Amino acid sequence: MEKNGYVVSQQLTLSVVYDDLPIDLDLRTDLFVNDCVVVEIKAISNLLPVHQAQLLTYMKLLNAPQGLLINFFTDNITKSIVPMINEYFKILLDR
């Protein structure tokens, strides 16, 4: 889907290959924007470290440099957004 210059994929299925062996998993990102930002959406009382690990996994599988973890179970949505950076791309900033 494209709107206002943004290309957004919803419920994108991810494939995992380990040592040339495809692994059948049901991993799906909530949103993948412009092939560079993974957005994972939650509506829970407390974000846990496993939610950040989930986002980082999606970012690594998609080679995405950035991610956003957004929790809608809040009275202030701007304070509930957790931005993340894929450390693999950090070397690009050092050059």
PDB file of N, CA and C in Angstrom:
ATOM      1  N   MET A   1       0.847  -1.166   0.000  1.00  0.00           N
ATOM      2  CA  MET A   1       0.000   0.000   0.000  1.00  0.00           C
ATOM      3  C   MET A   1       0.895   1.233   0.000  1.00  0.00           C
ATOM      4  N   GLU A   2       0.559   2.222  -0.803  1.00  0.00           N
ATOM      5  CA  GLU A   2       1.316   3.470  -0.848  1.00  0.00           C
ATOM      6  C   GLU A   2       0.377   4.644  -0.623  1.00  0.00           C
ATOM      7  N   LYS A   3       0.803   5.548   0.268  1.00  0.00           N
ATOM      8  CA  LYS A   3       0.014   6.741   0.525  1.00  0.00           C
ATOM      9  C   LYS A   3       0.949   7.849   0.992  1.00  0.00           C
ATOM     10  N   ASN A   4       0.779   9.016   0.422  1.00  0.00           N
ATOM     11  CA  ASN A   4       1.576  10.191   0.777  1.00  0.00           C
ATOM     12  C   ASN A   4       3.071   9.942   0.674  1.00  0.00           C
ATOM     13  N   GLY A   5       3.485   9.139  -0.285  1.00  0.00           N
ATOM     14  CA  GLY A   5       4.903   8.885  -0.489  1.00  0.00           C
ATOM     15  C   GLY A   5       5.493   7.792   0.381  1.00  0.00           C
ATOM     16  N   TYR A   6       4.679   7.141   1.212  1.00  0.00           N
ATOM     17  CA  TYR A   6       5.146   6.047   2.065  1.00  0.00           C
ATOM     18  C   TYR A   6       4.625   4.725   1.528  1.00  0.00           C
ATOM     19  N   VAL A   7       5.523   3.770   1.409  1.00  0.00           N
ATOM     20  CA  VAL A   7       5.134   2.422   1.008  1.00  0.00           C
ATOM     21  C   VAL A   7       5.106   1.582   2.280  1.00  0.00           C
ATOM     22  N   VAL A   8       3.936   1.069   2.618  1.00  0.00           N
ATOM     23  CA  VAL A   8       3.761   0.339   3.878  1.00  0.00           C
ATOM     24  C   VAL A   8       3.287  -1.082   3.587  1.00  0.00           C
ATOM     25  N   SER A   9       4.022  -2.046   4.120  1.00  0.00           N
ATOM     26  CA  SER A   9       3.613  -3.447   4.049  1.00  0.00           C
ATOM     27  C   SER A   9       3.044  -3.832   5.407  1.00  0.00           C
ATOM     28  N   GLN A  10       1.904  -4.504   5.397  1.00  0.00           N
ATOM     29  CA  GLN A  10       1.255  -4.927   6.636  1.00  0.00           C
ATOM     30  C   GLN A  10       1.333  -6.438   6.773  1.00  0.00           C
ATOM     31  N   GLN A  11       1.561  -6.903   7.995  1.00  0.00           N
ATOM     32  CA  GLN A  11       1.607  -8.341   8.289  1.00  0.00           C
ATOM     33  C   GLN A  11       2.531  -9.073   7.315  1.00  0.00           C
ATOM     34  N   LEU A  12       3.712  -8.522   7.126  1.00  0.00           N
ATOM     35  CA  LEU A  12       4.708  -9.093   6.231  1.00  0.00           C
ATOM     36  C   LEU A  12       5.275 -10.369   6.854  1.00  0.00           C
ATOM     37  N   THR A  13       5.187 -11.484   6.126  1.00  0.00           N
ATOM     38  CA  THR A  13       5.690 -12.763   6.617  1.00  0.00           C
ATOM     39  C   THR A  13       7.199 -12.833   6.400  1.00  0.00           C
ATOM     40  N   LEU A  14       7.920 -13.230   7.446  1.00  0.00           N
ATOM     41  CA  LEU A  14       9.367 -13.304   7.387  1.00  0.00           C
ATOM     42  C   LEU A  14       9.821 -14.750   7.289  1.00  0.00           C
ATOM     43  N   SER A  15      10.845 -14.970   6.507  1.00  0.00           N
ATOM     44  CA  SER A  15      11.418 -16.310   6.425  1.00  0.00           C
ATOM     45  C   SER A  15      12.745 -16.329   7.166  1.00  0.00           C
ATOM     46  N   VAL A  16      13.051 -17.470   7.748  1.00  0.00           N
ATOM     47  CA  VAL A  16      14.280 -17.637   8.508  1.00  0.00           C
ATOM     48  C   VAL A  16      15.069 -18.776   7.880  1.00  0.00           C
ATOM     49  N   VAL A  17      16.338 -18.514   7.614  1.00  0.00           N
ATOM     50  CA  VAL A  17      17.232 -19.549   7.089  1.00  0.00           C
ATOM     51  C   VAL A  17      18.428 -19.635   8.032  1.00  0.00           C
ATOM     52  N   TYR A  18      18.681 -20.830   8.534  1.00  0.00           N
ATOM     53  CA  TYR A  18      19.808 -21.044   9.428  1.00  0.00           C
ATOM     54  C   TYR A  18      20.695 -22.122   8.834  1.00  0.00           C
ATOM     55  N   ASP A  19      21.941 -21.778   8.553  1.00  0.00           N
ATOM     56  CA  ASP A  19      22.900 -22.722   8.000  1.00  0.00           C
ATOM     57  C   ASP A  19      22.345 -23.398   6.746  1.00  0.00           C
ATOM     58  N   ASP A  20      21.825 -22.583   5.839  1.00  0.00           N
ATOM     59  CA  ASP A  20      21.226 -23.032   4.566  1.00  0.00           C
ATOM     60  C   ASP A  20      19.990 -23.900   4.739  1.00  0.00           C
ATOM     61  N   LEU A  21      19.408 -23.902   5.918  1.00  0.00           N
ATOM     62  CA  LEU A  21      18.215 -24.696   6.194  1.00  0.00           C
ATOM     63  C   LEU A  21      17.045 -23.754   6.475  1.00  0.00           C
ATOM     64  N   PRO A  22      16.018 -23.757   5.621  1.00  0.00           N
ATOM     65  CA  PRO A  22      14.863 -22.892   5.898  1.00  0.00           C
ATOM     66  C   PRO A  22      14.082 -23.421   7.100  1.00  0.00           C
ATOM     67  N   ILE A  23      13.711 -22.503   7.974  1.00  0.00           N
ATOM     68  CA  ILE A  23      12.951 -22.855   9.169  1.00  0.00           C
ATOM     69  C   ILE A  23      11.550 -22.287   9.011  1.00  0.00           C
ATOM     70  N   ASP A  24      10.562 -23.146   9.164  1.00  0.00           N
ATOM     71  CA  ASP A  24       9.165 -22.747   8.982  1.00  0.00           C
ATOM     72  C   ASP A  24       8.641 -22.133  10.275  1.00  0.00           C
ATOM     73  N   LEU A  25       8.604 -20.814  10.316  1.00  0.00           N
ATOM     74  CA  LEU A  25       8.093 -20.077  11.471  1.00  0.00           C
ATOM     75  C   LEU A  25       7.017 -19.108  10.984  1.00  0.00           C
ATOM     76  N   ASP A  26       6.124 -18.773  11.862  1.00  0.00           N
ATOM     77  CA  ASP A  26       5.085 -17.804  11.509  1.00  0.00           C
ATOM     78  C   ASP A  26       5.435 -16.451  12.124  1.00  0.00           C
ATOM     79  N   LEU A  27       6.436 -15.787  11.549  1.00  0.00           N
ATOM     80  CA  LEU A  27       6.835 -14.467  12.018  1.00  0.00           C
ATOM     81  C   LEU A  27       6.251 -13.425  11.085  1.00  0.00           C
ATOM     82  N   ARG A  28       5.571 -12.430  11.666  1.00  0.00           N
ATOM     83  CA  ARG A  28       4.950 -11.379  10.864  1.00  0.00           C
ATOM     84  C   ARG A  28       5.174 -10.024  11.525  1.00  0.00           C
ATOM     85  N   THR A  29       5.655  -9.090  10.731  1.00  0.00           N
ATOM     86  CA  THR A  29       5.791  -7.730  11.233  1.00  0.00           C
ATOM     87  C   THR A  29       4.434  -7.041  11.154  1.00  0.00           C
ATOM     88  N   ASP A  30       4.195  -6.112  12.055  1.00  0.00           N
ATOM     89  CA  ASP A  30       2.951  -5.350  11.972  1.00  0.00           C
ATOM     90  C   ASP A  30       2.998  -4.418  10.764  1.00  0.00           C
ATOM     91  N   LEU A  31       4.052  -3.599  10.689  1.00  0.00           N
ATOM     92  CA  LEU A  31       4.212  -2.669   9.576  1.00  0.00           C
ATOM     93  C   LEU A  31       5.679  -2.598   9.181  1.00  0.00           C
ATOM     94  N   PHE A  32       5.932  -2.458   7.884  1.00  0.00           N
ATOM     95  CA  PHE A  32       7.284  -2.250   7.369  1.00  0.00           C
ATOM     96  C   PHE A  32       7.188  -1.076   6.402  1.00  0.00           C
ATOM     97  N   VAL A  33       7.804   0.042   6.782  1.00  0.00           N
ATOM     98  CA  VAL A  33       7.635   1.307   6.063  1.00  0.00           C
ATOM     99  C   VAL A  33       8.872   1.599   5.204  1.00  0.00           C
ATOM    100  N   ASN A  34       8.633   1.828   3.909  1.00  0.00           N
ATOM    101  CA  ASN A  34       9.673   2.214   2.946  1.00  0.00           C
ATOM    102  C   ASN A  34      10.890   1.293   2.985  1.00  0.00           C
ATOM    103  N   ASP A  35      10.682   0.050   3.286  1.00  0.00           N
ATOM    104  CA  ASP A  35      11.759  -0.945   3.347  1.00  0.00           C
ATOM    105  C   ASP A  35      12.895  -0.530   4.277  1.00  0.00           C
ATOM    106  N   CYS A  36      12.583   0.260   5.321  1.00  0.00           N
ATOM    107  CA  CYS A  36      13.658   0.640   6.246  1.00  0.00           C
ATOM    108  C   CYS A  36      13.221   0.771   7.703  1.00  0.00           C
ATOM    109  N   VAL A  37      11.940   0.897   8.000  1.00  0.00           N
ATOM    110  CA  VAL A  37      11.491   1.042   9.384  1.00  0.00           C
ATOM    111  C   VAL A  37      10.459  -0.037   9.702  1.00  0.00           C
ATOM    112  N   VAL A  38      10.766  -0.839  10.724  1.00  0.00           N
ATOM    113  CA  VAL A  38       9.835  -1.854  11.199  1.00  0.00           C
ATOM    114  C   VAL A  38       9.047  -1.240  12.349  1.00  0.00           C
ATOM    115  N   VAL A  39       7.728  -1.340  12.286  1.00  0.00           N
ATOM    116  CA  VAL A  39       6.874  -0.819  13.351  1.00  0.00           C
ATOM    117  C   VAL A  39       6.138  -1.996  13.980  1.00  0.00           C
ATOM    118  N   GLU A  40       6.366  -2.187  15.272  1.00  0.00           N
ATOM    119  CA  GLU A  40       5.697  -3.248  16.015  1.00  0.00           C
ATOM    120  C   GLU A  40       4.714  -2.580  16.979  1.00  0.00           C
ATOM    121  N   ILE A  41       3.451  -2.967  16.888  1.00  0.00           N
ATOM    122  CA  ILE A  41       2.388  -2.321  17.658  1.00  0.00           C
ATOM    123  C   ILE A  41       1.904  -3.263  18.755  1.00  0.00           C
ATOM    124  N   LYS A  42       1.775  -2.715  19.952  1.00  0.00           N
ATOM    125  CA  LYS A  42       1.268  -3.470  21.101  1.00  0.00           C
ATOM    126  C   LYS A  42       0.136  -2.675  21.754  1.00  0.00           C
ATOM    127  N   ALA A  43      -0.664  -3.370  22.535  1.00  0.00           N
ATOM    128  CA  ALA A  43      -1.694  -2.736  23.369  1.00  0.00           C
ATOM    129  C   ALA A  43      -1.736  -3.514  24.676  1.00  0.00           C
ATOM    130  N   ILE A  44      -0.683  -3.334  25.475  1.00  0.00           N
ATOM    131  CA  ILE A  44      -0.522  -4.084  26.727  1.00  0.00           C
ATOM    132  C   ILE A  44      -0.146  -3.128  27.854  1.00  0.00           C
ATOM    133  N   SER A  45      -0.360  -3.557  29.087  1.00  0.00           N
ATOM    134  CA  SER A  45      -0.117  -2.669  30.219  1.00  0.00           C
ATOM    135  C   SER A  45       1.359  -2.337  30.404  1.00  0.00           C
ATOM    136  N   ASN A  46       2.249  -3.305  30.169  1.00  0.00           N
ATOM    137  CA  ASN A  46       3.684  -3.064  30.316  1.00  0.00           C
ATOM    138  C   ASN A  46       4.453  -3.715  29.182  1.00  0.00           C
ATOM    139  N   LEU A  47       5.335  -2.962  28.565  1.00  0.00           N
ATOM    140  CA  LEU A  47       6.238  -3.548  27.586  1.00  0.00           C
ATOM    141  C   LEU A  47       7.310  -4.333  28.329  1.00  0.00           C
ATOM    142  N   LEU A  48       7.667  -5.475  27.780  1.00  0.00           N
ATOM    143  CA  LEU A  48       8.678  -6.334  28.380  1.00  0.00           C
ATOM    144  C   LEU A  48       9.894  -6.400  27.453  1.00  0.00           C
ATOM    145  N   PRO A  49      11.043  -6.829  27.993  1.00  0.00           N
ATOM    146  CA  PRO A  49      12.228  -6.967  27.138  1.00  0.00           C
ATOM    147  C   PRO A  49      12.008  -7.891  25.943  1.00  0.00           C
ATOM    148  N   VAL A  50      11.125  -8.872  26.068  1.00  0.00           N
ATOM    149  CA  VAL A  50      10.856  -9.780  24.953  1.00  0.00           C
ATOM    150  C   VAL A  50      10.251  -9.038  23.762  1.00  0.00           C
ATOM    151  N   HIS A  51       9.531  -7.954  24.007  1.00  0.00           N
ATOM    152  CA  HIS A  51       8.945  -7.167  22.919  1.00  0.00           C
ATOM    153  C   HIS A  51      10.031  -6.417  22.147  1.00  0.00           C
ATOM    154  N   GLN A  52      11.030  -5.909  22.859  1.00  0.00           N
ATOM    155  CA  GLN A  52      12.154  -5.266  22.186  1.00  0.00           C
ATOM    156  C   GLN A  52      12.967  -6.296  21.408  1.00  0.00           C
ATOM    157  N   ALA A  53      13.154  -7.486  21.990  1.00  0.00           N
ATOM    158  CA  ALA A  53      13.880  -8.553  21.294  1.00  0.00           C
ATOM    159  C   ALA A  53      13.143  -8.967  20.028  1.00  0.00           C
ATOM    160  N   GLN A  54      11.821  -9.016  20.096  1.00  0.00           N
ATOM    161  CA  GLN A  54      11.013  -9.353  18.924  1.00  0.00           C
ATOM    162  C   GLN A  54      11.248  -8.328  17.814  1.00  0.00           C
ATOM    163  N   LEU A  55      11.204  -7.051  18.158  1.00  0.00           N
ATOM    164  CA  LEU A  55      11.422  -5.996  17.168  1.00  0.00           C
ATOM    165  C   LEU A  55      12.828  -6.086  16.576  1.00  0.00           C
ATOM    166  N   LEU A  56      13.836  -6.284  17.420  1.00  0.00           N
ATOM    167  CA  LEU A  56      15.206  -6.398  16.917  1.00  0.00           C
ATOM    168  C   LEU A  56      15.364  -7.588  15.981  1.00  0.00           C
ATOM    169  N   THR A  57      14.699  -8.691  16.278  1.00  0.00           N
ATOM    170  CA  THR A  57      14.737  -9.862  15.402  1.00  0.00           C
ATOM    171  C   THR A  57      14.158  -9.530  14.040  1.00  0.00           C
ATOM    172  N   TYR A  58      13.011  -8.868  14.019  1.00  0.00           N
ATOM    173  CA  TYR A  58      12.392  -8.467  12.756  1.00  0.00           C
ATOM    174  C   TYR A  58      13.304  -7.523  11.978  1.00  0.00           C
ATOM    175  N   MET A  59      13.926  -6.591  12.682  1.00  0.00           N
ATOM    176  CA  MET A  59      14.817  -5.637  12.033  1.00  0.00           C
ATOM    177  C   MET A  59      16.002  -6.356  11.394  1.00  0.00           C
ATOM    178  N   LYS A  60      16.559  -7.336  12.091  1.00  0.00           N
ATOM    179  CA  LYS A  60      17.704  -8.079  11.545  1.00  0.00           C
ATOM    180  C   LYS A  60      17.291  -8.925  10.361  1.00  0.00           C
ATOM    181  N   LEU A  61      16.146  -9.591  10.449  1.00  0.00           N
ATOM    182  CA  LEU A  61      15.695 -10.431   9.342  1.00  0.00           C
ATOM    183  C   LEU A  61      15.379  -9.624   8.086  1.00  0.00           C
ATOM    184  N   LEU A  62      14.923  -8.393   8.261  1.00  0.00           N
ATOM    185  CA  LEU A  62      14.567  -7.538   7.135  1.00  0.00           C
ATOM    186  C   LEU A  62      15.696  -6.590   6.723  1.00  0.00           C
ATOM    187  N   ASN A  63      16.826  -6.662   7.424  1.00  0.00           N
ATOM    188  CA  ASN A  63      17.933  -5.720   7.180  1.00  0.00           C
ATOM    189  C   ASN A  63      17.453  -4.281   7.290  1.00  0.00           C
ATOM    190  N   ALA A  64      16.636  -4.023   8.280  1.00  0.00           N
ATOM    191  CA  ALA A  64      16.084  -2.683   8.501  1.00  0.00           C
ATOM    192  C   ALA A  64      16.941  -1.932   9.520  1.00  0.00           C
ATOM    193  N   PRO A  65      17.329  -0.706   9.211  1.00  0.00           N
ATOM    194  CA  PRO A  65      18.167   0.047  10.138  1.00  0.00           C
ATOM    195  C   PRO A  65      17.427   0.596  11.353  1.00  0.00           C
ATOM    196  N   GLN A  66      16.113   0.774  11.254  1.00  0.00           N
ATOM    197  CA  GLN A  66      15.370   1.392  12.356  1.00  0.00           C
ATOM    198  C   GLN A  66      14.098   0.624  12.665  1.00  0.00           C
ATOM    199  N   GLY A  67      13.647   0.791  13.910  1.00  0.00           N
ATOM    200  CA  GLY A  67      12.393   0.184  14.323  1.00  0.00           C
ATOM    201  C   GLY A  67      11.707   1.039  15.363  1.00  0.00           C
ATOM    202  N   LEU A  68      10.403   0.893  15.446  1.00  0.00           N
ATOM    203  CA  LEU A  68       9.613   1.588  16.458  1.00  0.00           C
ATOM    204  C   LEU A  68       8.719   0.572  17.152  1.00  0.00           C
ATOM    205  N   LEU A  69       8.767   0.570  18.465  1.00  0.00           N
ATOM    206  CA  LEU A  69       7.880  -0.250  19.279  1.00  0.00           C
ATOM    207  C   LEU A  69       6.870   0.706  19.899  1.00  0.00           C
ATOM    208  N   ILE A  70       5.600   0.546  19.533  1.00  0.00           N
ATOM    209  CA  ILE A  70       4.569   1.490  19.974  1.00  0.00           C
ATOM    210  C   ILE A  70       3.536   0.740  20.808  1.00  0.00           C
ATOM    211  N   ASN A  71       3.290   1.253  22.017  1.00  0.00           N
ATOM    212  CA  ASN A  71       2.283   0.673  22.895  1.00  0.00           C
ATOM    213  C   ASN A  71       1.097   1.633  22.990  1.00  0.00           C
ATOM    214  N   PHE A  72      -0.063   1.169  22.535  1.00  0.00           N
ATOM    215  CA  PHE A  72      -1.257   2.011  22.543  1.00  0.00           C
ATOM    216  C   PHE A  72      -2.008   1.972  23.867  1.00  0.00           C
ATOM    217  N   PHE A  73      -1.573   1.127  24.805  1.00  0.00           N
ATOM    218  CA  PHE A  73      -2.229   1.047  26.105  1.00  0.00           C
ATOM    219  C   PHE A  73      -1.606   2.095  27.028  1.00  0.00           C
ATOM    220  N   THR A  74      -1.904   3.361  26.747  1.00  0.00           N
ATOM    221  CA  THR A  74      -1.289   4.462  27.480  1.00  0.00           C
ATOM    222  C   THR A  74      -2.155   5.707  27.359  1.00  0.00           C
ATOM    223  N   ASP A  75      -1.909   6.655  28.241  1.00  0.00           N
ATOM    224  CA  ASP A  75      -2.614   7.934  28.132  1.00  0.00           C
ATOM    225  C   ASP A  75      -1.782   8.967  27.362  1.00  0.00           C
ATOM    226  N   ASN A  76      -0.512   8.625  27.056  1.00  0.00           N
ATOM    227  CA  ASN A  76       0.352   9.519  26.294  1.00  0.00           C
ATOM    228  C   ASN A  76       1.150   8.689  25.289  1.00  0.00           C
ATOM    229  N   ILE A  77       0.675   8.644  24.071  1.00  0.00           N
ATOM    230  CA  ILE A  77       1.274   7.777  23.056  1.00  0.00           C
ATOM    231  C   ILE A  77       2.714   8.167  22.745  1.00  0.00           C
ATOM    232  N   THR A  78       3.048   9.452  22.815  1.00  0.00           N
ATOM    233  CA  THR A  78       4.414   9.869  22.489  1.00  0.00           C
ATOM    234  C   THR A  78       5.427   9.345  23.502  1.00  0.00           C
ATOM    235  N   LYS A  79       5.017   9.149  24.736  1.00  0.00           N
ATOM    236  CA  LYS A  79       5.923   8.615  25.758  1.00  0.00           C
ATOM    237  C   LYS A  79       6.023   7.096  25.696  1.00  0.00           C
ATOM    238  N   SER A  80       5.140   6.457  24.951  1.00  0.00           N
ATOM    239  CA  SER A  80       5.150   4.998  24.904  1.00  0.00           C
ATOM    240  C   SER A  80       5.924   4.458  23.699  1.00  0.00           C
ATOM    241  N   ILE A  81       6.431   5.327  22.846  1.00  0.00           N
ATOM    242  CA  ILE A  81       7.160   4.890  21.656  1.00  0.00           C
ATOM    243  C   ILE A  81       8.621   4.617  22.020  1.00  0.00           C
ATOM    244  N   VAL A  82       9.091   3.441  21.641  1.00  0.00           N
ATOM    245  CA  VAL A  82      10.483   3.063  21.888  1.00  0.00           C
ATOM    246  C   VAL A  82      11.187   2.956  20.532  1.00  0.00           C
ATOM    247  N   PRO A  83      12.071   3.919  20.218  1.00  0.00           N
ATOM    248  CA  PRO A  83      12.814   3.827  18.959  1.00  0.00           C
ATOM    249  C   PRO A  83      14.009   2.885  19.130  1.00  0.00           C
ATOM    250  N   MET A  84      14.319   2.124  18.085  1.00  0.00           N
ATOM    251  CA  MET A  84      15.447   1.203  18.147  1.00  0.00           C
ATOM    252  C   MET A  84      16.254   1.301  16.862  1.00  0.00           C
ATOM    253  N   ILE A  85      17.552   1.019  16.976  1.00  0.00           N
ATOM    254  CA  ILE A  85      18.448   1.039  15.828  1.00  0.00           C
ATOM    255  C   ILE A  85      19.123  -0.316  15.733  1.00  0.00           C
ATOM    256  N   ASN A  86      19.165  -0.848  14.531  1.00  0.00           N
ATOM    257  CA  ASN A  86      19.845  -2.109  14.263  1.00  0.00           C
ATOM    258  C   ASN A  86      21.349  -1.838  14.341  1.00  0.00           C
ATOM    259  N   GLU A  87      22.040  -2.459  15.273  1.00  0.00           N
ATOM    260  CA  GLU A  87      23.461  -2.209  15.488  1.00  0.00           C
ATOM    261  C   GLU A  87      24.303  -2.513  14.251  1.00  0.00           C
ATOM    262  N   TYR A  88      23.823  -3.378  13.380  1.00  0.00           N
ATOM    263  CA  TYR A  88      24.541  -3.690  12.151  1.00  0.00           C
ATOM    264  C   TYR A  88      24.779  -2.426  11.320  1.00  0.00           C
ATOM    265  N   PHE A  89      23.836  -1.510  11.343  1.00  0.00           N
ATOM    266  CA  PHE A  89      23.940  -0.295  10.544  1.00  0.00           C
ATOM    267  C   PHE A  89      24.712   0.810  11.252  1.00  0.00           C
ATOM    268  N   LYS A  90      25.066   0.595  12.509  1.00  0.00           N
ATOM    269  CA  LYS A  90      25.802   1.612  13.251  1.00  0.00           C
ATOM    270  C   LYS A  90      27.166   1.890  12.618  1.00  0.00           C
ATOM    271  N   ILE A  91      27.767   0.887  11.989  1.00  0.00           N
ATOM    272  CA  ILE A  91      29.075   1.094  11.361  1.00  0.00           C
ATOM    273  C   ILE A  91      29.005   2.113  10.235  1.00  0.00           C
ATOM    274  N   LEU A  92      27.832   2.263   9.632  1.00  0.00           N
ATOM    275  CA  LEU A  92      27.677   3.257   8.572  1.00  0.00           C
ATOM    276  C   LEU A  92      27.799   4.666   9.107  1.00  0.00           C
ATOM    277  N   LEU A  93      27.378   4.889  10.351  1.00  0.00           N
ATOM    278  CA  LEU A  93      27.428   6.222  10.943  1.00  0.00           C
ATOM    279  C   LEU A  93      28.850   6.595  11.327  1.00  0.00           C
ATOM    280  N   ASP A  94      29.687   5.587  11.601  1.00  0.00           N
ATOM    281  CA  ASP A  94      31.062   5.859  12.043  1.00  0.00           C
ATOM    282  C   ASP A  94      31.975   6.270  10.905  1.00  0.00           C
ATOM    283  N   ARG A  95      31.558   6.106   9.687  1.00  0.00           N
ATOM    284  CA  ARG A  95      32.439   6.408   8.549  1.00  0.00           C
ATOM    285  C   ARG A  95      32.331   7.813   8.098  1.00  0.00           C
TER     286      ARG A  95
END
